């Protein structure tokens, strides 16, 4: 595959995957608030799987390397349809929400929080 449309397809796919995992992170909070711990655990498991993939890939999405083959651009959002500031701070923002969601779920499950 080659051509400028390839980068567009990669960026679109990366954005769809990103939206899915952001939804999973937000779902952790919703499921825990509703005491639906099975679905909270499922969402936690999905995001944990993504964290493992990122960890084994040097904390970079594998799609970033694929996109890099099709452009010389290296801005924070060269591989995804996000504002540059969000792409730059993505891991810190959503990593914090994920870890806080884990803590919230654990606190609700153990009844430390009502």
Protein backbone atom coordinates (compact mmCIF):
# COMPACT_ATOMS: atom_id res chain seq x y z
CA UNK A 1 0.00 0.00 0.00
CA UNK A 2 1.22 3.44 -0.82
CA UNK A 3 -0.10 6.88 -1.51
CA UNK A 4 -1.35 9.76 0.64
CA UNK A 5 -4.63 7.99 1.36
CA UNK A 6 -2.76 5.30 3.35
CA UNK A 7 -1.86 7.79 6.09
CA UNK A 8 -5.49 8.92 6.18
CA UNK A 9 -6.65 5.33 6.70
CA UNK A 10 -4.04 4.74 9.42
CA UNK A 11 -4.99 7.96 11.23
CA UNK A 12 -8.68 7.09 11.03
CA UNK A 13 -8.08 3.57 12.37
CA UNK A 14 -5.86 4.92 15.15
CA UNK A 15 -8.52 7.47 16.10
CA UNK A 16 -11.24 4.78 16.21
CA UNK A 17 -9.07 2.60 18.46
CA UNK A 18 -8.33 5.62 20.68
CA UNK A 19 -12.05 6.45 21.01
CA UNK A 20 -12.77 2.82 21.94
CA UNK A 21 -10.22 2.82 24.77
CA UNK A 22 -11.26 6.25 26.04
CA UNK A 23 -14.84 4.92 26.16
CA UNK A 24 -13.59 1.90 28.12
CA UNK A 25 -11.80 4.17 30.62
CA UNK A 26 -14.94 6.26 31.11
CA UNK A 27 -17.07 3.10 31.32
CA UNK A 28 -14.99 1.92 34.28
CA UNK A 29 -16.26 4.90 36.25
CA UNK A 30 -19.88 4.43 35.16
CA UNK A 31 -19.93 0.70 35.88
CA UNK A 32 -18.28 1.15 39.28
CA UNK A 33 -20.75 3.91 40.20
CA UNK A 34 -23.60 1.53 39.31
CA UNK A 35 -21.95 -1.34 41.24
CA UNK A 36 -21.71 -3.31 37.99
CA UNK A 37 -18.35 -4.81 38.84
CA UNK A 38 -18.40 -7.49 36.14
CA UNK A 39 -18.55 -4.90 33.36
CA UNK A 40 -16.11 -2.66 35.23
CA UNK A 41 -13.69 -5.61 35.33
CA UNK A 42 -14.22 -6.23 31.61
CA UNK A 43 -13.42 -2.59 30.82
CA UNK A 44 -10.41 -2.71 33.13
CA UNK A 45 -9.20 -5.86 31.41
CA UNK A 46 -9.52 -4.33 27.95
CA UNK A 47 -7.58 -1.23 28.94
CA UNK A 48 -4.98 -3.32 30.78
CA UNK A 49 -4.48 -5.26 27.56
CA UNK A 50 -3.83 -2.00 25.72
CA UNK A 51 -1.39 -0.92 28.44
CA UNK A 52 0.52 -4.20 27.99
CA UNK A 53 0.70 -3.62 24.22
CA UNK A 54 1.98 -0.08 24.79
CA UNK A 55 4.51 -1.25 27.39
CA UNK A 56 5.95 -3.88 25.06
CA UNK A 57 6.14 -1.28 22.29
CA UNK A 58 8.12 1.35 24.20
CA UNK A 59 4.96 3.20 25.34
CA UNK A 60 4.05 3.96 21.73
CA UNK A 61 1.06 2.66 19.83
CA UNK A 62 2.08 0.17 17.13
CA UNK A 63 0.07 2.22 14.62
CA UNK A 64 2.46 5.13 15.19
CA UNK A 65 5.32 3.17 13.61
CA UNK A 66 3.09 2.23 10.69
CA UNK A 67 2.05 5.85 10.17
CA UNK A 68 5.67 7.03 10.43
CA UNK A 69 6.52 5.07 7.29
CA UNK A 70 4.14 7.28 5.31
CA UNK A 71 5.14 10.79 6.42
CA UNK A 72 8.08 12.82 7.67
CA UNK A 73 5.78 14.76 10.01
CA UNK A 74 6.51 14.03 13.68
CA UNK A 75 4.14 16.35 15.49
CA UNK A 76 2.35 14.75 18.44
CA UNK A 77 -0.76 14.19 16.30
CA UNK A 78 0.83 13.11 13.00
CA UNK A 79 -0.68 9.63 13.38
CA UNK A 80 -4.12 10.38 14.83
CA UNK A 81 -7.00 12.84 14.40
CA UNK A 82 -6.67 14.62 17.75
CA UNK A 83 -5.74 18.19 18.59
CA UNK A 84 -1.97 18.38 19.05
CA UNK A 85 -2.21 19.33 22.75
CA UNK A 86 -4.39 16.28 23.46
CA UNK A 87 -2.16 13.93 21.50
CA UNK A 88 0.85 15.28 23.41
CA UNK A 89 -0.75 14.79 26.85
CA UNK A 90 -2.88 11.75 26.01
CA UNK A 91 -1.07 9.21 28.23
CA UNK A 92 -0.91 11.46 31.28
CA UNK A 93 -4.57 12.52 31.03
CA UNK A 94 -6.11 9.13 30.33
CA UNK A 95 -3.54 7.20 32.37
CA UNK A 96 -4.57 9.26 35.40
CA UNK A 97 -8.27 8.71 34.67
CA UNK A 98 -7.63 4.97 34.28
CA UNK A 99 -5.68 4.62 37.55
CA UNK A 100 -8.22 6.76 39.41
CA UNK A 101 -11.01 4.63 37.91
CA UNK A 102 -9.26 1.50 39.16
CA UNK A 103 -9.00 3.01 42.65
CA UNK A 104 -12.65 4.11 42.55
CA UNK A 105 -13.78 0.64 41.44
CA UNK A 106 -11.73 -1.04 44.15
CA UNK A 107 -13.06 1.36 46.79
CA UNK A 108 -16.67 0.74 45.72
CA UNK A 109 -16.19 -3.03 45.45
CA UNK A 110 -14.64 -3.27 48.94
CA UNK A 111 -17.28 -0.86 50.23
CA UNK A 112 -14.77 1.77 51.31
CA UNK A 113 -17.00 4.18 49.37
CA UNK A 114 -20.80 4.04 49.38
